[in-house]
Structure formats: C-alpha cells, structure tokens
Amino acid sequence: MSGVPVTFSWVSTTQQVLFEENEITVTVPTDRQGFARTPALVAGDVDGTATFTVTAEGAEPAHFEVTVVP
C-alpha cells in the first residue's frame, strides 16, 4: 500500500545515534511497493547498540536493535 505513514523512533541507545537533521523520530510514507525507509543514520564515535520502534496505523509496533560501528 502506497503513502502509508510509518514512524521510526529511537527508544534507547548506548551512544549517540540519530536520523539526519539530528532527529530522534521520523515519519515517512511507504513507496509504491509498500516499503518505508528512514533517512540516513548519524552515529556517534563510540561502538554500541541502539533500539528503535517502527509503528504504522493498523499494525503492531515492531522493535529492532542495531549495532553501531562508527
């Protein structure tokens, strides 16, 4: 489904990690194939992990953990 708003929000980090423009939360629409992509990530200068949540209307929230290596 195209144009569905999807929100990506950092929940916890062990070091600085943000989306472009120093944002903690971003909302983007899905493309024609139903995919949503975050803006580029900006990582601090320390290795660590970060957890973010993805939400969209009508769907259960999903939680993801990423490893950040500057």
N, C-alpha and C. Protein backbone atom coordinates (compact mmCIF):
# COMPACT_ATOMS: atom_id res chain seq x y z
N MET A 1 0.84 -1.17 0.00
CA MET A 1 0.00 0.00 0.00
C MET A 1 0.89 1.24 0.00
N SER A 2 0.66 2.13 -0.89
CA SER A 2 1.47 3.33 -1.05
C SER A 2 0.96 4.48 -0.19
N GLY A 3 1.90 5.30 0.32
CA GLY A 3 1.54 6.51 1.05
C GLY A 3 1.14 6.33 2.49
N VAL A 4 1.34 5.15 3.07
CA VAL A 4 1.00 4.92 4.47
C VAL A 4 2.11 5.51 5.35
N PRO A 5 1.78 6.38 6.32
CA PRO A 5 2.81 6.94 7.20
C PRO A 5 3.38 5.87 8.14
N VAL A 6 4.69 5.80 8.20
CA VAL A 6 5.40 4.87 9.08
C VAL A 6 6.34 5.71 9.94
N THR A 7 6.29 5.48 11.26
CA THR A 7 7.12 6.25 12.19
C THR A 7 8.23 5.38 12.76
N PHE A 8 9.45 5.90 12.69
CA PHE A 8 10.64 5.26 13.25
C PHE A 8 11.08 6.13 14.42
N SER A 9 11.26 5.52 15.59
CA SER A 9 11.60 6.30 16.78
C SER A 9 12.65 5.58 17.62
N TRP A 10 13.75 6.27 17.92
CA TRP A 10 14.77 5.68 18.78
C TRP A 10 14.22 5.55 20.19
N VAL A 11 14.40 4.36 20.78
CA VAL A 11 13.93 4.09 22.14
C VAL A 11 15.08 4.16 23.12
N SER A 12 16.19 3.52 22.78
CA SER A 12 17.34 3.52 23.67
C SER A 12 18.61 3.41 22.84
N THR A 13 19.64 4.05 23.34
CA THR A 13 20.94 3.96 22.69
C THR A 13 22.02 3.90 23.75
N THR A 14 23.14 3.27 23.41
CA THR A 14 24.28 3.26 24.32
C THR A 14 25.28 4.33 23.90
N GLN A 15 24.99 5.00 22.84
CA GLN A 15 25.80 6.11 22.36
C GLN A 15 24.94 6.94 21.43
N GLN A 16 25.44 8.05 20.97
CA GLN A 16 24.64 8.93 20.12
C GLN A 16 24.36 8.28 18.77
N VAL A 17 23.11 8.18 18.43
CA VAL A 17 22.70 7.73 17.10
C VAL A 17 21.37 8.42 16.80
N LEU A 18 21.32 9.09 15.69
CA LEU A 18 20.13 9.85 15.33
C LEU A 18 19.88 9.70 13.83
N PHE A 19 18.74 10.18 13.39
CA PHE A 19 18.49 10.28 11.97
C PHE A 19 19.08 11.60 11.49
N GLU A 20 19.17 11.78 10.18
CA GLU A 20 19.64 13.06 9.64
C GLU A 20 18.89 14.21 10.30
N GLU A 21 19.50 15.36 10.31
CA GLU A 21 18.90 16.56 10.90
C GLU A 21 18.78 16.45 12.42
N ASN A 22 19.51 15.50 13.05
CA ASN A 22 19.50 15.29 14.50
C ASN A 22 18.13 14.94 15.04
N GLU A 23 17.36 14.22 14.26
CA GLU A 23 16.01 13.83 14.68
C GLU A 23 16.03 12.50 15.43
N ILE A 24 15.21 12.40 16.47
CA ILE A 24 15.04 11.15 17.23
C ILE A 24 13.89 10.34 16.63
N THR A 25 12.90 11.02 16.08
CA THR A 25 11.72 10.38 15.49
C THR A 25 11.50 10.95 14.09
N VAL A 26 11.22 10.06 13.14
CA VAL A 26 10.88 10.50 11.78
C VAL A 26 9.66 9.71 11.30
N THR A 27 8.85 10.35 10.47
CA THR A 27 7.71 9.68 9.85
C THR A 27 7.87 9.83 8.34
N VAL A 28 7.80 8.69 7.64
CA VAL A 28 7.95 8.68 6.19
C VAL A 28 6.82 7.86 5.57
N PRO A 29 6.42 8.19 4.35
CA PRO A 29 5.36 7.41 3.69
C PRO A 29 5.94 6.17 3.03
N THR A 30 5.12 5.14 2.88
CA THR A 30 5.54 3.96 2.14
C THR A 30 5.59 4.29 0.64
N ASP A 31 6.44 3.56 -0.08
CA ASP A 31 6.54 3.75 -1.52
C ASP A 31 5.51 2.89 -2.24
N ARG A 32 5.57 2.81 -3.55
CA ARG A 32 4.57 2.05 -4.32
C ARG A 32 4.56 0.56 -3.99
N GLN A 33 5.69 0.05 -3.50
CA GLN A 33 5.77 -1.36 -3.11
C GLN A 33 5.40 -1.59 -1.65
N GLY A 34 5.10 -0.51 -0.92
CA GLY A 34 4.72 -0.63 0.48
C GLY A 34 5.88 -0.58 1.45
N PHE A 35 7.06 -0.16 0.98
CA PHE A 35 8.24 -0.09 1.83
C PHE A 35 8.46 1.34 2.30
N ALA A 36 8.95 1.48 3.53
CA ALA A 36 9.31 2.79 4.09
C ALA A 36 10.77 2.72 4.50
N ARG A 37 11.52 3.77 4.16
CA ARG A 37 12.94 3.82 4.51
C ARG A 37 13.21 5.06 5.35
N THR A 38 14.08 4.87 6.34
CA THR A 38 14.46 6.01 7.17
C THR A 38 15.45 6.89 6.42
N PRO A 39 15.56 8.14 6.83
CA PRO A 39 16.68 8.95 6.33
C PRO A 39 17.99 8.32 6.82
N ALA A 40 19.09 8.81 6.33
CA ALA A 40 20.39 8.29 6.76
C ALA A 40 20.55 8.40 8.28
N LEU A 41 21.29 7.47 8.85
CA LEU A 41 21.59 7.49 10.28
C LEU A 41 22.89 8.24 10.51
N VAL A 42 22.96 8.92 11.64
CA VAL A 42 24.17 9.63 12.05
C VAL A 42 24.61 9.00 13.36
N ALA A 43 25.80 8.39 13.36
CA ALA A 43 26.28 7.70 14.55
C ALA A 43 27.33 8.54 15.26
N GLY A 44 27.43 8.34 16.56
CA GLY A 44 28.48 8.98 17.35
C GLY A 44 29.80 8.30 17.07
N ASP A 45 30.79 8.55 17.89
CA ASP A 45 32.11 7.99 17.65
C ASP A 45 32.46 6.85 18.60
N VAL A 46 31.44 6.19 19.16
CA VAL A 46 31.63 5.06 20.07
C VAL A 46 30.79 3.89 19.60
N ASP A 47 31.38 2.68 19.58
CA ASP A 47 30.60 1.48 19.25
C ASP A 47 29.48 1.31 20.26
N GLY A 48 28.37 0.73 19.82
CA GLY A 48 27.28 0.47 20.75
C GLY A 48 26.07 -0.10 20.06
N THR A 49 25.01 -0.25 20.80
CA THR A 49 23.75 -0.74 20.25
C THR A 49 22.67 0.32 20.44
N ALA A 50 21.65 0.23 19.62
CA ALA A 50 20.53 1.15 19.71
C ALA A 50 19.26 0.39 19.37
N THR A 51 18.17 0.77 19.99
CA THR A 51 16.88 0.13 19.74
C THR A 51 15.91 1.18 19.22
N PHE A 52 15.19 0.83 18.15
CA PHE A 52 14.16 1.73 17.66
C PHE A 52 12.87 0.97 17.44
N THR A 53 11.78 1.71 17.45
CA THR A 53 10.44 1.15 17.26
C THR A 53 9.89 1.68 15.94
N VAL A 54 9.19 0.81 15.23
CA VAL A 54 8.53 1.18 13.98
C VAL A 54 7.03 1.00 14.18
N THR A 55 6.27 2.04 13.89
CA THR A 55 4.81 1.96 14.03
C THR A 55 4.13 2.45 12.76
N ALA A 56 2.99 1.86 12.49
CA ALA A 56 2.14 2.27 11.37
C ALA A 56 0.71 1.94 11.76
N GLU A 57 -0.23 2.75 11.31
CA GLU A 57 -1.63 2.54 11.65
C GLU A 57 -2.09 1.16 11.20
N GLY A 58 -2.75 0.45 12.10
CA GLY A 58 -3.29 -0.86 11.79
C GLY A 58 -2.31 -2.01 11.94
N ALA A 59 -1.07 -1.71 12.39
CA ALA A 59 -0.06 -2.76 12.56
C ALA A 59 0.49 -2.71 13.98
N GLU A 60 0.91 -3.86 14.46
CA GLU A 60 1.56 -3.93 15.77
C GLU A 60 2.92 -3.25 15.68
N PRO A 61 3.35 -2.53 16.71
CA PRO A 61 4.69 -1.93 16.70
C PRO A 61 5.76 -3.02 16.59
N ALA A 62 6.83 -2.72 15.91
CA ALA A 62 7.96 -3.65 15.80
C ALA A 62 9.17 -2.97 16.42
N HIS A 63 10.02 -3.76 17.11
CA HIS A 63 11.19 -3.24 17.78
C HIS A 63 12.44 -3.86 17.14
N PHE A 64 13.44 -3.05 16.90
CA PHE A 64 14.67 -3.52 16.27
C PHE A 64 15.87 -3.01 17.03
N GLU A 65 16.89 -3.86 17.14
CA GLU A 65 18.15 -3.45 17.75
C GLU A 65 19.20 -3.45 16.66
N VAL A 66 19.98 -2.38 16.61
CA VAL A 66 21.05 -2.29 15.63
C VAL A 66 22.37 -2.08 16.35
N THR A 67 23.43 -2.57 15.73
CA THR A 67 24.79 -2.34 16.24
C THR A 67 25.39 -1.21 15.45
N VAL A 68 25.93 -0.24 16.16
CA VAL A 68 26.52 0.93 15.53
C VAL A 68 28.03 0.84 15.66
N VAL A 69 28.71 0.91 14.50
CA VAL A 69 30.16 0.91 14.47
C VAL A 69 30.57 2.12 13.64
N PRO A 70 31.13 3.14 14.30
CA PRO A 70 31.49 4.36 13.55
C PRO A 70 32.65 4.13 12.59
